[in-house]
Amino acid sequence: MAKSGPKPKADQKAENAAGTREALITAAAEALRDVGFAQASAREIGRRAGCNQALVFYHFGSVVNLHLAALDRVSAQRHERYRAAVERAGGELGALLGTARSVLAEDLDQGHVAVLATMIAAAQSTPGLGPQVAERIAPWRRFAADSLRDAVSGVPFGGKLPADDLAHGVVALYLGLEMLASLDGDRAAATRLFDHADRVASRIPRLRFGRHTSARAERRNGKDESSRES
């Protein structure tokens, strides 16, 4: 069996560069979560990644670009998690609310929301950052709209609901709940809101069943009257 020789220098260099990029992105996400946008400097990120801060600019061009790469990483991971959870819920409204409740707790426990929250706050005072952050929130609105359409597909007049507009409100509400709960660790208000939503959702199947039962009864009555007339 032929022995594999050492990797070519070009391959080794590319592998090292990829490893450095990964380390910097991970360190940037941690810094944004732990110390916020203003303190997540090239020096802080380099220290956490165990490399020279100059590599931030070599690989990403600017600290802000690295911050955005970290946001992309966190968003991609959470999007995958949310999509899998929603698929398991099967489009049923009550199950979707349970999913939203559990992933909210997960986001808060693991600090995922802090990365987006600090980027949203920084966008208010950092030129050019606002459109970049908004662009990264857009997929979440589309995801929410698709989930809403699935959830109300069997509800009377569900097809007439403005899913895109509602999705914007859902995303804003969800982010607001996460950001407020992360300020002081008090999740009571968010928990109560989900409790109210659960009670509303629990009535929807009964309303649908009652509507369908009435329709079937009307059809039966119509047939009975026709048979009597004949």
C-alpha atoms as a PDB file:
ATOM      1  CA  MET A   1       0.000   0.000   0.000  1.00  0.00           C
ATOM      2  CA  ALA A   2       1.410   3.352  -1.015  1.00  0.00           C
ATOM      3  CA  LYS A   3       2.003   5.794   1.791  1.00  0.00           C
ATOM      4  CA  SER A   4       0.266   9.132   1.541  1.00  0.00           C
ATOM      5  CA  GLY A   5       2.779  11.927   1.524  1.00  0.00           C
ATOM      6  CA  PRO A   6       2.496  15.310   3.164  1.00  0.00           C
ATOM      7  CA  LYS A   7      -0.146  17.675   1.864  1.00  0.00           C
ATOM      8  CA  PRO A   8       0.989  20.187  -0.757  1.00  0.00           C
ATOM      9  CA  LYS A   9       1.851  23.549   0.740  1.00  0.00           C
ATOM     10  CA  ALA A  10      -1.009  25.233  -1.113  1.00  0.00           C
ATOM     11  CA  ASP A  11      -3.541  22.786   0.325  1.00  0.00           C
ATOM     12  CA  GLN A  12      -2.114  23.144   3.813  1.00  0.00           C
ATOM     13  CA  LYS A  13      -2.211  26.930   3.525  1.00  0.00           C
ATOM     14  CA  ALA A  14      -5.840  26.878   2.382  1.00  0.00           C
ATOM     15  CA  GLU A  15      -6.752  24.533   5.211  1.00  0.00           C
ATOM     16  CA  ASN A  16      -5.052  26.777   7.752  1.00  0.00           C
ATOM     17  CA  ALA A  17      -6.801  29.840   6.325  1.00  0.00           C
ATOM     18  CA  ALA A  18     -10.193  28.116   6.518  1.00  0.00           C
ATOM     19  CA  GLY A  19      -9.500  27.120  10.105  1.00  0.00           C
ATOM     20  CA  THR A  20      -8.552  30.686  10.985  1.00  0.00           C
ATOM     21  CA  ARG A  21     -11.731  32.048   9.396  1.00  0.00           C
ATOM     22  CA  GLU A  22     -13.834  29.569  11.343  1.00  0.00           C
ATOM     23  CA  ALA A  23     -12.088  30.468  14.587  1.00  0.00           C
ATOM     24  CA  LEU A  24     -12.605  34.184  13.962  1.00  0.00           C
ATOM     25  CA  ILE A  25     -16.310  33.765  13.161  1.00  0.00           C
ATOM     26  CA  THR A  26     -16.849  31.675  16.279  1.00  0.00           C
ATOM     27  CA  ALA A  27     -14.936  34.188  18.398  1.00  0.00           C
ATOM     28  CA  ALA A  28     -16.878  37.109  16.908  1.00  0.00           C
ATOM     29  CA  ALA A  29     -20.219  35.464  17.718  1.00  0.00           C
ATOM     30  CA  GLU A  30     -19.069  34.835  21.280  1.00  0.00           C
ATOM     31  CA  ALA A  31     -17.807  38.408  21.650  1.00  0.00           C
ATOM     32  CA  LEU A  32     -21.047  39.896  20.315  1.00  0.00           C
ATOM     33  CA  ARG A  33     -23.000  37.718  22.719  1.00  0.00           C
ATOM     34  CA  ASP A  34     -20.807  38.392  25.755  1.00  0.00           C
ATOM     35  CA  VAL A  35     -19.620  42.002  25.439  1.00  0.00           C
ATOM     36  CA  GLY A  36     -21.728  43.584  22.695  1.00  0.00           C
ATOM     37  CA  PHE A  37     -20.991  45.246  19.374  1.00  0.00           C
ATOM     38  CA  ALA A  38     -18.861  48.142  20.611  1.00  0.00           C
ATOM     39  CA  GLN A  39     -16.545  45.923  22.652  1.00  0.00           C
ATOM     40  CA  ALA A  40     -16.306  43.154  20.039  1.00  0.00           C
ATOM     41  CA  SER A  41     -13.192  44.734  18.548  1.00  0.00           C
ATOM     42  CA  ALA A  42     -10.545  43.165  16.356  1.00  0.00           C
ATOM     43  CA  ARG A  43      -8.312  42.848  19.404  1.00  0.00           C
ATOM     44  CA  GLU A  44     -11.028  41.173  21.497  1.00  0.00           C
ATOM     45  CA  ILE A  45     -11.972  38.783  18.707  1.00  0.00           C
ATOM     46  CA  GLY A  46      -8.351  37.970  17.935  1.00  0.00           C
ATOM     47  CA  ARG A  47      -7.710  37.257  21.606  1.00  0.00           C
ATOM     48  CA  ARG A  48     -10.656  34.890  21.774  1.00  0.00           C
ATOM     49  CA  ALA A  49      -9.650  33.178  18.535  1.00  0.00           C
ATOM     50  CA  GLY A  50      -6.014  32.880  19.613  1.00  0.00           C
ATOM     51  CA  CYS A  51      -4.646  34.705  16.586  1.00  0.00           C
ATOM     52  CA  ASN A  52      -3.311  38.094  15.542  1.00  0.00           C
ATOM     53  CA  GLN A  53      -5.968  40.790  15.243  1.00  0.00           C
ATOM     54  CA  ALA A  54      -4.570  41.733  11.826  1.00  0.00           C
ATOM     55  CA  LEU A  55      -6.059  38.494  10.495  1.00  0.00           C
ATOM     56  CA  VAL A  56      -9.519  39.964  11.029  1.00  0.00           C
ATOM     57  CA  PHE A  57      -8.808  42.504   8.307  1.00  0.00           C
ATOM     58  CA  TYR A  58      -6.897  40.023   6.139  1.00  0.00           C
ATOM     59  CA  HIS A  59      -9.808  37.580   5.996  1.00  0.00           C
ATOM     60  CA  PHE A  60     -12.834  39.890   6.283  1.00  0.00           C
ATOM     61  CA  GLY A  61     -11.703  43.381   5.338  1.00  0.00           C
ATOM     62  CA  SER A  62     -13.287  45.003   8.390  1.00  0.00           C
ATOM     63  CA  VAL A  63     -14.550  44.190  11.847  1.00  0.00           C
ATOM     64  CA  VAL A  64     -18.130  44.912  10.762  1.00  0.00           C
ATOM     65  CA  ASN A  65     -17.851  42.376   7.948  1.00  0.00           C
ATOM     66  CA  LEU A  66     -16.735  39.810  10.509  1.00  0.00           C
ATOM     67  CA  HIS A  67     -19.654  40.742  12.752  1.00  0.00           C
ATOM     68  CA  LEU A  68     -22.002  40.133   9.817  1.00  0.00           C
ATOM     69  CA  ALA A  69     -20.348  36.790   9.103  1.00  0.00           C
ATOM     70  CA  ALA A  70     -20.940  35.832  12.731  1.00  0.00           C
ATOM     71  CA  LEU A  71     -24.586  36.887  12.443  1.00  0.00           C
ATOM     72  CA  ASP A  72     -24.891  34.801   9.268  1.00  0.00           C
ATOM     73  CA  ARG A  73     -23.484  31.793  11.091  1.00  0.00           C
ATOM     74  CA  VAL A  74     -25.849  32.103  14.048  1.00  0.00           C
ATOM     75  CA  SER A  75     -28.842  32.804  11.782  1.00  0.00           C
ATOM     76  CA  ALA A  76     -28.121  29.784   9.584  1.00  0.00           C
ATOM     77  CA  GLN A  77     -27.854  27.497  12.594  1.00  0.00           C
ATOM     78  CA  ARG A  78     -31.047  28.816  14.170  1.00  0.00           C
ATOM     79  CA  HIS A  79     -32.928  28.777  10.867  1.00  0.00           C
ATOM     80  CA  GLU A  80     -32.114  25.104  10.466  1.00  0.00           C
ATOM     81  CA  ARG A  81     -33.261  24.432  14.019  1.00  0.00           C
ATOM     82  CA  TYR A  82     -36.505  26.381  13.566  1.00  0.00           C
ATOM     83  CA  ARG A  83     -37.316  24.753  10.226  1.00  0.00           C
ATOM     84  CA  ALA A  84     -36.842  21.262  11.646  1.00  0.00           C
ATOM     85  CA  ALA A  85     -39.005  22.121  14.667  1.00  0.00           C
ATOM     86  CA  VAL A  86     -41.784  23.587  12.513  1.00  0.00           C
ATOM     87  CA  GLU A  87     -41.753  20.551  10.235  1.00  0.00           C
ATOM     88  CA  ARG A  88     -42.217  18.335  13.277  1.00  0.00           C
ATOM     89  CA  ALA A  89     -45.158  20.502  14.348  1.00  0.00           C
ATOM     90  CA  GLY A  90     -46.855  19.585  11.084  1.00  0.00           C
ATOM     91  CA  GLY A  91     -48.492  22.975  10.499  1.00  0.00           C
ATOM     92  CA  GLU A  92     -50.933  22.572  13.423  1.00  0.00           C
ATOM     93  CA  LEU A  93     -51.353  25.902  15.189  1.00  0.00           C
ATOM     94  CA  GLY A  94     -51.150  24.601  18.751  1.00  0.00           C
ATOM     95  CA  ALA A  95     -48.022  22.607  17.943  1.00  0.00           C
ATOM     96  CA  LEU A  96     -46.470  25.657  16.272  1.00  0.00           C
ATOM     97  CA  LEU A  97     -47.075  27.709  19.405  1.00  0.00           C
ATOM     98  CA  GLY A  98     -45.443  25.002  21.500  1.00  0.00           C
ATOM     99  CA  THR A  99     -42.482  25.049  19.130  1.00  0.00           C
ATOM    100  CA  ALA A 100     -42.200  28.834  19.366  1.00  0.00           C
ATOM    101  CA  ARG A 101     -42.302  28.642  23.149  1.00  0.00           C
ATOM    102  CA  SER A 102     -39.540  26.017  23.336  1.00  0.00           C
ATOM    103  CA  VAL A 103     -37.179  27.660  20.855  1.00  0.00           C
ATOM    104  CA  LEU A 104     -37.651  31.024  22.565  1.00  0.00           C
ATOM    105  CA  ALA A 105     -36.439  29.470  25.811  1.00  0.00           C
ATOM    106  CA  GLU A 106     -33.596  27.804  23.929  1.00  0.00           C
ATOM    107  CA  ASP A 107     -32.528  31.078  22.303  1.00  0.00           C
ATOM    108  CA  LEU A 108     -32.502  32.844  25.651  1.00  0.00           C
ATOM    109  CA  ASP A 109     -30.694  30.032  27.463  1.00  0.00           C
ATOM    110  CA  GLN A 110     -27.941  29.811  24.851  1.00  0.00           C
ATOM    111  CA  GLY A 111     -27.610  33.531  24.101  1.00  0.00           C
ATOM    112  CA  HIS A 112     -28.457  33.327  20.397  1.00  0.00           C
ATOM    113  CA  VAL A 113     -30.745  36.342  20.519  1.00  0.00           C
ATOM    114  CA  ALA A 114     -27.988  38.516  21.983  1.00  0.00           C
ATOM    115  CA  VAL A 115     -26.029  38.387  18.718  1.00  0.00           C
ATOM    116  CA  LEU A 116     -28.935  39.689  16.637  1.00  0.00           C
ATOM    117  CA  ALA A 117     -30.044  42.130  19.325  1.00  0.00           C
ATOM    118  CA  THR A 118     -26.655  43.816  19.539  1.00  0.00           C
ATOM    119  CA  MET A 119     -26.434  44.005  15.741  1.00  0.00           C
ATOM    120  CA  ILE A 120     -29.886  45.615  15.526  1.00  0.00           C
ATOM    121  CA  ALA A 121     -28.894  48.135  18.189  1.00  0.00           C
ATOM    122  CA  ALA A 122     -25.596  48.878  16.430  1.00  0.00           C
ATOM    123  CA  ALA A 123     -27.393  49.422  13.120  1.00  0.00           C
ATOM    124  CA  GLN A 124     -28.985  52.564  14.558  1.00  0.00           C
ATOM    125  CA  SER A 125     -25.620  54.324  14.763  1.00  0.00           C
ATOM    126  CA  THR A 126     -23.369  52.507  12.274  1.00  0.00           C
ATOM    127  CA  PRO A 127     -23.642  53.850   8.704  1.00  0.00           C
ATOM    128  CA  GLY A 128     -24.574  51.175   6.178  1.00  0.00           C
ATOM    129  CA  LEU A 129     -25.202  48.463   8.753  1.00  0.00           C
ATOM    130  CA  GLY A 130     -28.993  48.855   8.875  1.00  0.00           C
ATOM    131  CA  PRO A 131     -29.699  47.541   5.348  1.00  0.00           C
ATOM    132  CA  GLN A 132     -27.287  44.653   5.925  1.00  0.00           C
ATOM    133  CA  VAL A 133     -29.066  43.550   9.086  1.00  0.00           C
ATOM    134  CA  ALA A 134     -32.500  44.058   7.506  1.00  0.00           C
ATOM    135  CA  GLU A 135     -31.448  41.852   4.596  1.00  0.00           C
ATOM    136  CA  ARG A 136     -30.644  39.086   7.068  1.00  0.00           C
ATOM    137  CA  ILE A 137     -34.002  39.402   8.810  1.00  0.00           C
ATOM    138  CA  ALA A 138     -35.954  39.096   5.530  1.00  0.00           C
ATOM    139  CA  PRO A 139     -35.588  35.272   5.317  1.00  0.00           C
ATOM    140  CA  TRP A 140     -37.129  35.017   8.783  1.00  0.00           C
ATOM    141  CA  ARG A 141     -40.179  36.960   7.600  1.00  0.00           C
ATOM    142  CA  ARG A 142     -40.553  34.643   4.603  1.00  0.00           C
ATOM    143  CA  PHE A 143     -40.205  31.630   6.880  1.00  0.00           C
ATOM    144  CA  ALA A 144     -42.839  33.006   9.265  1.00  0.00           C
ATOM    145  CA  ALA A 145     -45.208  33.752   6.368  1.00  0.00           C
ATOM    146  CA  ASP A 146     -44.899  30.217   5.011  1.00  0.00           C
ATOM    147  CA  SER A 147     -45.499  28.758   8.472  1.00  0.00           C
ATOM    148  CA  LEU A 148     -48.577  30.943   8.963  1.00  0.00           C
ATOM    149  CA  ARG A 149     -50.034  29.909   5.617  1.00  0.00           C
ATOM    150  CA  ASP A 150     -49.641  26.260   6.566  1.00  0.00           C
ATOM    151  CA  ALA A 151     -51.163  26.837  10.002  1.00  0.00           C
ATOM    152  CA  VAL A 152     -54.335  28.544   8.733  1.00  0.00           C
ATOM    153  CA  SER A 153     -54.779  26.568   5.521  1.00  0.00           C
ATOM    154  CA  GLY A 154     -57.737  24.641   6.963  1.00  0.00           C
ATOM    155  CA  VAL A 155     -59.287  27.540   8.870  1.00  0.00           C
ATOM    156  CA  PRO A 156     -62.298  29.319   7.325  1.00  0.00           C
ATOM    157  CA  PHE A 157     -61.108  32.443   5.483  1.00  0.00           C
ATOM    158  CA  GLY A 158     -57.519  31.448   6.274  1.00  0.00           C
ATOM    159  CA  GLY A 159     -56.534  31.973   2.663  1.00  0.00           C
ATOM    160  CA  LYS A 160     -57.578  35.623   2.888  1.00  0.00           C
ATOM    161  CA  LEU A 161     -55.304  36.455   5.803  1.00  0.00           C
ATOM    162  CA  PRO A 162     -52.389  38.778   4.864  1.00  0.00           C
ATOM    163  CA  ALA A 163     -49.666  36.256   5.718  1.00  0.00           C
ATOM    164  CA  ASP A 164     -46.755  38.518   4.717  1.00  0.00           C
ATOM    165  CA  ASP A 165     -47.972  41.413   6.858  1.00  0.00           C
ATOM    166  CA  LEU A 166     -48.759  39.112   9.761  1.00  0.00           C
ATOM    167  CA  ALA A 167     -45.320  37.518   9.429  1.00  0.00           C
ATOM    168  CA  HIS A 168     -43.693  40.935   9.804  1.00  0.00           C
ATOM    169  CA  GLY A 169     -45.624  41.421  13.036  1.00  0.00           C
ATOM    170  CA  VAL A 170     -44.807  37.920  14.269  1.00  0.00           C
ATOM    171  CA  VAL A 171     -41.069  38.405  13.689  1.00  0.00           C
ATOM    172  CA  ALA A 172     -41.127  41.837  15.336  1.00  0.00           C
ATOM    173  CA  LEU A 173     -43.095  40.472  18.298  1.00  0.00           C
ATOM    174  CA  TYR A 174     -40.859  37.450  18.672  1.00  0.00           C
ATOM    175  CA  LEU A 175     -37.657  39.496  18.522  1.00  0.00           C
ATOM    176  CA  GLY A 176     -39.149  41.972  20.968  1.00  0.00           C
ATOM    177  CA  LEU A 177     -40.056  39.207  23.402  1.00  0.00           C
ATOM    178  CA  GLU A 178     -36.557  37.778  23.204  1.00  0.00           C
ATOM    179  CA  MET A 179     -34.836  41.137  23.580  1.00  0.00           C
ATOM    180  CA  LEU A 180     -36.982  42.246  26.531  1.00  0.00           C
ATOM    181  CA  ALA A 181     -36.677  38.885  28.280  1.00  0.00           C
ATOM    182  CA  SER A 182     -32.909  38.935  27.814  1.00  0.00           C
ATOM    183  CA  LEU A 183     -32.593  42.327  29.536  1.00  0.00           C
ATOM    184  CA  ASP A 184     -33.418  41.147  33.036  1.00  0.00           C
ATOM    185  CA  GLY A 185     -34.003  37.431  32.601  1.00  0.00           C
ATOM    186  CA  ASP A 186     -37.721  37.799  33.363  1.00  0.00           C
ATOM    187  CA  ARG A 187     -39.664  35.559  30.993  1.00  0.00           C
ATOM    188  CA  ALA A 188     -42.996  35.786  32.801  1.00  0.00           C
ATOM    189  CA  ALA A 189     -44.601  38.179  30.295  1.00  0.00           C
ATOM    190  CA  ALA A 190     -43.580  36.009  27.343  1.00  0.00           C
ATOM    191  CA  THR A 191     -44.865  32.913  29.118  1.00  0.00           C
ATOM    192  CA  ARG A 192     -48.240  34.544  29.789  1.00  0.00           C
ATOM    193  CA  LEU A 193     -48.527  35.623  26.168  1.00  0.00           C
ATOM    194  CA  PHE A 194     -47.944  32.067  24.974  1.00  0.00           C
ATOM    195  CA  ASP A 195     -50.497  30.835  27.528  1.00  0.00           C
ATOM    196  CA  HIS A 196     -53.117  33.204  26.076  1.00  0.00           C
ATOM    197  CA  ALA A 197     -52.228  32.148  22.522  1.00  0.00           C
ATOM    198  CA  ASP A 198     -52.524  28.487  23.492  1.00  0.00           C
ATOM    199  CA  ARG A 199     -56.037  29.057  24.811  1.00  0.00           C
ATOM    200  CA  VAL A 200     -57.072  30.760  21.575  1.00  0.00           C
ATOM    201  CA  ALA A 201     -55.488  28.031  19.454  1.00  0.00           C
ATOM    202  CA  SER A 202     -57.227  25.314  21.449  1.00  0.00           C
ATOM    203  CA  ARG A 203     -60.606  26.733  20.400  1.00  0.00           C
ATOM    204  CA  ILE A 204     -59.875  26.803  16.678  1.00  0.00           C
ATOM    205  CA  PRO A 205     -60.352  23.051  16.070  1.00  0.00           C
ATOM    206  CA  ARG A 206     -63.678  23.165  17.951  1.00  0.00           C
ATOM    207  CA  LEU A 207     -64.809  26.123  15.867  1.00  0.00           C
ATOM    208  CA  ARG A 208     -63.821  24.326  12.681  1.00  0.00           C
ATOM    209  CA  PHE A 209     -65.566  21.133  13.813  1.00  0.00           C
ATOM    210  CA  GLY A 210     -68.704  23.031  14.732  1.00  0.00           C
ATOM    211  CA  ARG A 211     -68.761  24.790  11.379  1.00  0.00           C
ATOM    212  CA  HIS A 212     -68.314  21.574   9.434  1.00  0.00           C
ATOM    213  CA  THR A 213     -70.934  19.788  11.553  1.00  0.00           C
ATOM    214  CA  SER A 214     -73.466  22.541  10.866  1.00  0.00           C
ATOM    215  CA  ALA A 215     -72.787  22.337   7.156  1.00  0.00           C
ATOM    216  CA  ARG A 216     -73.299  18.577   7.155  1.00  0.00           C
ATOM    217  CA  ALA A 217     -76.522  18.964   9.156  1.00  0.00           C
ATOM    218  CA  GLU A 218     -77.840  21.501   6.661  1.00  0.00           C
ATOM    219  CA  ARG A 219     -77.100  19.149   3.781  1.00  0.00           C
ATOM    220  CA  ARG A 220     -78.882  16.281   5.568  1.00  0.00           C
ATOM    221  CA  ASN A 221     -81.900  18.463   6.300  1.00  0.00           C
ATOM    222  CA  GLY A 222     -82.055  19.506   2.690  1.00  0.00           C
ATOM    223  CA  LYS A 223     -82.020  15.882   1.547  1.00  0.00           C
ATOM    224  CA  ASP A 224     -84.720  14.922   4.053  1.00  0.00           C
ATOM    225  CA  GLU A 225     -86.981  17.736   2.912  1.00  0.00           C
ATOM    226  CA  SER A 226     -86.449  16.793  -0.739  1.00  0.00           C
ATOM    227  CA  SER A 227     -87.342  13.159  -0.043  1.00  0.00           C
ATOM    228  CA  ARG A 228     -90.487  14.187   1.803  1.00  0.00           C
ATOM    229  CA  GLU A 229     -91.546  16.474  -1.038  1.00  0.00           C
ATOM    230  CA  SER A 230     -91.031  13.694  -3.556  1.00  0.00           C
END
